[in-house]
Amino acid sequence: MTVDAHHHVWDLSVRDQDWITGPELAPLRRDFTLADLAPEASAAGVDRTVLVQTVTVAEETPELLALAETHHLAAGVVGWTDLTRPGLADELARLRELPGGRYLKGIRHQVQSEADPQWLLRPDVLRGLAAVADAGLVYDLVVLPHQLPACAGAAAALPGLTFVLDHAGKPPVAAGTLEPWASDVRTLAARPNTVCKLSGLVTEADPASWRTDDLRPYADVVLDAFGPGRLMFGSDWPVCTLAAAYGDVLSTARELTRTLDDTERHQLFESTATRVYDL
């Protein structure tokens, strides 16, 4: 069986997703639920998933935890809380006491939206990241390529915290360029407390005309830099549906990693996520 280490859900009647703007994202402007995902995941051989936050709203994380408590598919949650808030340790403890709190495995912030490329290295942010580590949680990095050096700096400053790079750091697939993204990814991967998700590549390519070979150079970089023992598959559903169906995303990931042996495939598609997120 396979673990999908990265997907989202939302209900627009509960909360708007204000990042869904413009005609290109219009297909995402509807509800996406675990009930929608479950048959697609089952058909693809996925039996456990990690549910990841989408908005910087405190109320979302308790909702995701409650979902995980009531649906067999979600085995873990990466939520959001303000890293710079006073008493962050108490807030993390409170979240774990809520219904479904045992499913809280990590924290994420929309660093990609921060104007300061060094945001992760701010003293107040580093203090918050240290609290995440003390709570035994991991930290997911959703960043743009120019923010990768700060990710490496944060990983060096906090060797006790596991950093998970979402979507391989959003490489410039559509532009067809590798540098400086590739070098910066290798620098980050040199830190032993870092892990990477093989996810999100189809939507970094041209959604209408991408081919597997367009993604291969970027997959090869992270495979070489992190190795399958620090790589995990993620679908990025439903965002991936802008470019590919759920099953196609998984089959593409399998094609990109077809040279791996059985042990390595097991790591990438199941055991790395299980270990990192303590599923």
Protein backbone atom coordinates (compact mmCIF):
# COMPACT_ATOMS: atom_id res chain seq x y z
CA MET A 1 0.00 0.00 0.00
CA THR A 2 1.01 3.63 -0.52
CA VAL A 3 1.02 6.68 1.73
CA ASP A 4 0.00 9.98 0.17
CA ALA A 5 1.99 12.44 2.29
CA HIS A 6 0.38 15.62 1.00
CA HIS A 7 -3.17 16.60 0.15
CA HIS A 8 -5.82 19.16 1.10
CA VAL A 9 -9.55 19.45 1.67
CA TRP A 10 -11.83 22.45 1.99
CA ASP A 11 -15.48 23.40 2.32
CA LEU A 12 -16.25 26.82 0.86
CA SER A 13 -19.42 27.09 2.94
CA VAL A 14 -17.23 27.01 6.06
CA ARG A 15 -14.38 29.20 4.82
CA ASP A 16 -13.31 30.88 1.63
CA GLN A 17 -10.00 29.86 0.10
CA ASP A 18 -8.86 33.35 -0.81
CA TRP A 19 -5.87 32.06 -2.78
CA ILE A 20 -8.17 30.52 -5.42
CA THR A 21 -8.33 33.46 -7.80
CA GLY A 22 -8.35 33.92 -11.57
CA PRO A 23 -9.48 31.67 -14.41
CA GLU A 24 -6.54 29.24 -14.14
CA LEU A 25 -7.58 28.21 -10.62
CA ALA A 26 -11.33 28.36 -11.25
CA PRO A 27 -11.71 24.52 -11.32
CA LEU A 28 -10.66 24.50 -7.65
CA ARG A 29 -13.46 26.84 -6.57
CA ARG A 30 -15.68 24.11 -5.17
CA ASP A 31 -15.69 21.82 -2.15
CA PHE A 32 -13.18 18.98 -1.92
CA THR A 33 -13.70 16.44 0.86
CA LEU A 34 -12.18 13.23 2.18
CA ALA A 35 -15.26 11.47 0.84
CA ASP A 36 -14.34 12.76 -2.64
CA LEU A 37 -10.74 11.59 -2.30
CA ALA A 38 -11.37 8.19 -0.73
CA PRO A 39 -12.48 6.26 -3.86
CA GLU A 40 -9.67 7.72 -5.96
CA ALA A 41 -7.11 6.89 -3.30
CA SER A 42 -8.44 3.38 -2.90
CA ALA A 43 -8.34 2.77 -6.65
CA ALA A 44 -4.71 3.92 -6.67
CA GLY A 45 -3.72 1.66 -3.77
CA VAL A 46 -3.35 4.51 -1.26
CA ASP A 47 -4.49 3.55 2.23
CA ARG A 48 -3.20 6.42 4.38
CA THR A 49 -2.76 10.14 3.80
CA VAL A 50 -1.41 13.29 5.43
CA LEU A 51 -3.88 16.15 5.45
CA VAL A 52 -2.16 19.54 5.07
CA GLN A 53 -3.40 23.03 5.93
CA THR A 54 -4.25 25.55 3.22
CA VAL A 55 -4.95 28.87 4.95
CA THR A 56 -3.42 30.84 7.81
CA VAL A 57 -6.54 30.69 9.95
CA ALA A 58 -6.36 29.28 13.47
CA GLU A 59 -9.76 27.59 13.23
CA GLU A 60 -8.72 25.36 10.32
CA THR A 61 -6.36 23.11 12.28
CA PRO A 62 -8.96 21.90 14.82
CA GLU A 63 -11.31 21.19 11.92
CA LEU A 64 -8.69 19.07 10.16
CA LEU A 65 -7.94 17.19 13.37
CA ALA A 66 -11.63 16.42 13.82
CA LEU A 67 -11.79 15.15 10.24
CA ALA A 68 -8.86 12.83 10.85
CA GLU A 69 -10.61 11.51 13.94
CA THR A 70 -13.67 10.53 11.94
CA HIS A 71 -12.24 9.31 8.62
CA HIS A 72 -9.97 6.29 8.22
CA LEU A 73 -7.99 7.74 5.30
CA ALA A 74 -6.27 10.66 7.07
CA ALA A 75 -3.52 9.25 9.30
CA GLY A 76 -1.91 12.59 10.11
CA VAL A 77 -2.42 16.34 9.97
CA VAL A 78 0.00 19.18 9.25
CA GLY A 79 -1.72 22.22 10.69
CA TRP A 80 -1.10 25.93 11.06
CA THR A 81 -0.49 28.13 14.04
CA ASP A 82 1.30 31.44 14.40
CA LEU A 83 4.96 30.60 15.02
CA THR A 84 5.57 34.06 16.47
CA ARG A 85 2.76 34.01 19.04
CA PRO A 86 3.64 34.13 22.75
CA GLY A 87 2.95 30.85 24.49
CA LEU A 88 3.28 28.74 21.35
CA ALA A 89 4.19 25.66 23.38
CA ASP A 90 0.90 25.96 25.27
CA GLU A 91 -1.01 26.36 22.00
CA LEU A 92 0.55 23.23 20.54
CA ALA A 93 -0.34 21.34 23.70
CA ARG A 94 -3.93 22.64 23.47
CA LEU A 95 -4.26 21.45 19.89
CA ARG A 96 -3.16 17.99 20.93
CA GLU A 97 -5.88 17.86 23.56
CA LEU A 98 -8.65 18.57 21.04
CA PRO A 99 -10.72 15.85 19.35
CA GLY A 100 -8.32 14.23 16.89
CA GLY A 101 -5.35 15.95 18.53
CA ARG A 102 -3.31 12.77 18.37
CA TYR A 103 -3.24 13.18 14.59
CA LEU A 104 -1.29 16.45 14.75
CA LYS A 105 2.08 15.59 13.23
CA GLY A 106 3.46 18.87 11.95
CA ILE A 107 3.06 22.61 11.44
CA ARG A 108 3.23 24.65 8.23
CA HIS A 109 3.15 28.32 7.35
CA GLN A 110 2.73 29.90 3.90
CA VAL A 111 6.37 31.04 3.79
CA GLN A 112 6.02 31.37 0.00
CA SER A 113 3.79 34.41 0.64
CA GLU A 114 6.29 36.18 2.90
CA ALA A 115 8.06 39.11 1.21
CA ASP A 116 11.22 38.66 3.30
CA PRO A 117 13.32 35.85 1.78
CA GLN A 118 14.98 35.48 5.20
CA TRP A 119 11.69 35.15 7.10
CA LEU A 120 12.56 31.70 8.44
CA LEU A 121 15.70 33.12 10.05
CA ARG A 122 13.97 35.84 12.05
CA PRO A 123 14.62 35.36 15.78
CA ASP A 124 10.91 35.18 16.62
CA VAL A 125 10.35 32.57 13.91
CA LEU A 126 13.32 30.49 15.04
CA ARG A 127 11.95 30.56 18.59
CA GLY A 128 8.65 29.25 17.26
CA LEU A 129 10.36 26.54 15.25
CA ALA A 130 12.24 25.48 18.38
CA ALA A 131 8.87 25.10 20.15
CA VAL A 132 7.64 22.91 17.29
CA ALA A 133 10.71 20.71 17.76
CA ASP A 134 10.20 20.57 21.53
CA ALA A 135 6.63 19.39 20.93
CA GLY A 136 7.93 16.47 18.86
CA LEU A 137 6.38 17.77 15.66
CA VAL A 138 7.91 18.31 12.21
CA TYR A 139 7.84 21.48 10.13
CA ASP A 140 6.68 21.54 6.51
CA LEU A 141 8.34 24.08 4.22
CA VAL A 142 6.18 25.54 1.46
CA VAL A 143 8.63 27.92 -0.19
CA LEU A 144 9.69 29.34 -3.52
CA PRO A 145 13.16 28.60 -4.92
CA HIS A 146 14.67 31.92 -3.79
CA GLN A 147 13.74 31.05 -0.20
CA LEU A 148 15.67 27.77 -0.16
CA PRO A 149 18.88 29.27 1.30
CA ALA A 150 16.92 30.42 4.36
CA CYS A 151 15.52 26.90 4.70
CA ALA A 152 19.06 25.53 4.87
CA GLY A 153 19.95 28.16 7.44
CA ALA A 154 16.99 27.25 9.63
CA ALA A 155 17.78 23.54 9.36
CA ALA A 156 21.35 24.25 10.43
CA ALA A 157 20.20 26.40 13.35
CA LEU A 158 17.74 23.77 14.60
CA PRO A 159 19.27 20.32 14.11
CA GLY A 160 16.65 18.78 16.41
CA LEU A 161 13.75 19.73 14.14
CA THR A 162 12.85 17.73 11.03
CA PHE A 163 12.12 20.02 8.08
CA VAL A 164 9.98 18.60 5.25
CA LEU A 165 10.37 20.37 1.90
CA ASP A 166 6.98 20.42 0.16
CA HIS A 167 6.77 20.10 -3.63
CA ALA A 168 10.56 19.78 -3.99
CA GLY A 169 10.84 23.52 -3.36
CA LYS A 170 8.65 24.41 -6.37
CA PRO A 171 11.29 24.14 -9.10
CA PRO A 172 10.93 26.15 -12.35
CA VAL A 173 9.70 23.20 -14.41
CA ALA A 174 7.76 25.30 -16.91
CA ALA A 175 10.86 27.40 -17.60
CA GLY A 176 12.99 24.29 -18.03
CA THR A 177 15.84 25.63 -15.88
CA LEU A 178 17.60 23.86 -13.02
CA GLU A 179 19.84 26.47 -11.43
CA PRO A 180 20.06 27.91 -8.86
CA TRP A 181 17.22 25.68 -7.58
CA ALA A 182 19.21 22.45 -7.91
CA SER A 183 22.26 23.75 -6.06
CA ASP A 184 20.13 25.20 -3.29
CA VAL A 185 18.21 21.93 -2.93
CA ARG A 186 21.48 20.04 -2.60
CA THR A 187 22.65 22.46 0.09
CA LEU A 188 19.43 21.90 2.01
CA ALA A 189 19.64 18.13 1.57
CA ALA A 190 23.14 18.15 3.06
CA ARG A 191 21.45 18.80 6.43
CA PRO A 192 20.52 15.38 7.88
CA ASN A 193 17.34 16.76 9.48
CA THR A 194 15.70 17.46 6.13
CA VAL A 195 13.22 15.43 4.08
CA CYS A 196 11.59 16.17 0.71
CA LYS A 197 8.23 15.47 -0.89
CA LEU A 198 8.07 14.30 -4.47
CA SER A 199 4.91 16.30 -5.00
CA GLY A 200 3.53 19.28 -6.84
CA LEU A 201 5.68 18.92 -9.95
CA VAL A 202 2.81 18.57 -12.43
CA THR A 203 1.47 22.02 -11.55
CA GLU A 204 4.92 23.61 -11.74
CA ALA A 205 5.06 22.40 -15.35
CA ASP A 206 2.74 23.58 -18.11
CA PRO A 207 -0.58 22.11 -16.86
CA ALA A 208 -1.93 21.64 -20.36
CA SER A 209 1.04 20.09 -22.13
CA TRP A 210 3.45 18.59 -19.57
CA ARG A 211 5.07 15.22 -20.14
CA THR A 212 6.81 12.93 -17.69
CA ASP A 213 10.16 13.75 -19.28
CA ASP A 214 9.63 17.43 -18.39
CA LEU A 215 9.59 16.45 -14.71
CA ARG A 216 12.41 13.93 -14.80
CA PRO A 217 15.40 16.30 -14.36
CA TYR A 218 13.83 17.74 -11.20
CA ALA A 219 12.88 14.35 -9.79
CA ASP A 220 16.42 13.14 -10.48
CA VAL A 221 17.89 16.04 -8.50
CA VAL A 222 15.88 15.34 -5.36
CA LEU A 223 16.38 11.57 -5.70
CA ASP A 224 20.12 12.09 -5.83
CA ALA A 225 20.21 14.79 -3.14
CA PHE A 226 17.93 13.22 -0.53
CA GLY A 227 17.86 9.56 -1.49
CA PRO A 228 14.67 7.49 -1.26
CA GLY A 229 15.07 7.19 2.52
CA ARG A 230 14.38 10.93 2.82
CA LEU A 231 11.83 11.24 0.04
CA MET A 232 8.07 10.72 0.22
CA PHE A 233 5.32 10.77 -2.36
CA GLY A 234 2.57 13.37 -2.16
CA SER A 235 -0.29 13.95 -4.59
CA ASP A 236 -1.06 17.58 -3.75
CA TRP A 237 -4.71 16.73 -4.44
CA PRO A 238 -6.90 18.55 -5.36
CA VAL A 239 -4.45 21.17 -6.67
CA CYS A 240 -2.91 18.48 -8.87
CA THR A 241 -6.22 18.12 -10.72
CA LEU A 242 -5.39 21.32 -12.59
CA ALA A 243 -2.87 19.22 -14.50
CA ALA A 244 -3.58 15.54 -13.89
CA ALA A 245 -5.98 13.10 -12.28
CA TYR A 246 -5.07 11.59 -8.92
CA GLY A 247 -4.13 8.21 -10.31
CA ASP A 248 -2.05 9.79 -13.05
CA VAL A 249 -0.02 11.75 -10.51
CA LEU A 250 0.83 8.54 -8.68
CA SER A 251 1.64 6.61 -11.85
CA THR A 252 3.87 9.48 -13.00
CA ALA A 253 5.75 9.38 -9.69
CA ARG A 254 6.23 5.64 -10.13
CA GLU A 255 7.54 6.14 -13.66
CA LEU A 256 9.96 8.83 -12.47
CA THR A 257 11.35 6.43 -9.87
CA ARG A 258 11.19 3.16 -11.83
CA THR A 259 14.95 2.57 -11.51
CA LEU A 260 14.65 2.17 -7.73
CA ASP A 261 14.78 -1.29 -6.22
CA ASP A 262 11.94 -2.70 -4.12
CA THR A 263 13.37 -1.47 -0.82
CA GLU A 264 13.87 2.04 -2.16
CA ARG A 265 10.37 2.18 -3.62
CA HIS A 266 8.95 1.07 -0.29
CA GLN A 267 10.81 3.93 1.39
CA LEU A 268 9.61 6.58 -1.04
CA PHE A 269 6.00 5.45 -1.28
CA GLU A 270 5.38 4.31 2.29
CA SER A 271 8.02 4.02 5.01
CA THR A 272 9.58 7.51 4.86
CA ALA A 273 6.22 9.19 5.43
CA THR A 274 5.26 6.67 8.08
CA ARG A 275 8.48 7.33 9.99
CA VAL A 276 8.69 11.11 9.59
CA TYR A 277 5.07 11.76 10.44
CA ASP A 278 4.83 8.93 12.99
CA LEU A 279 1.70 7.58 11.27
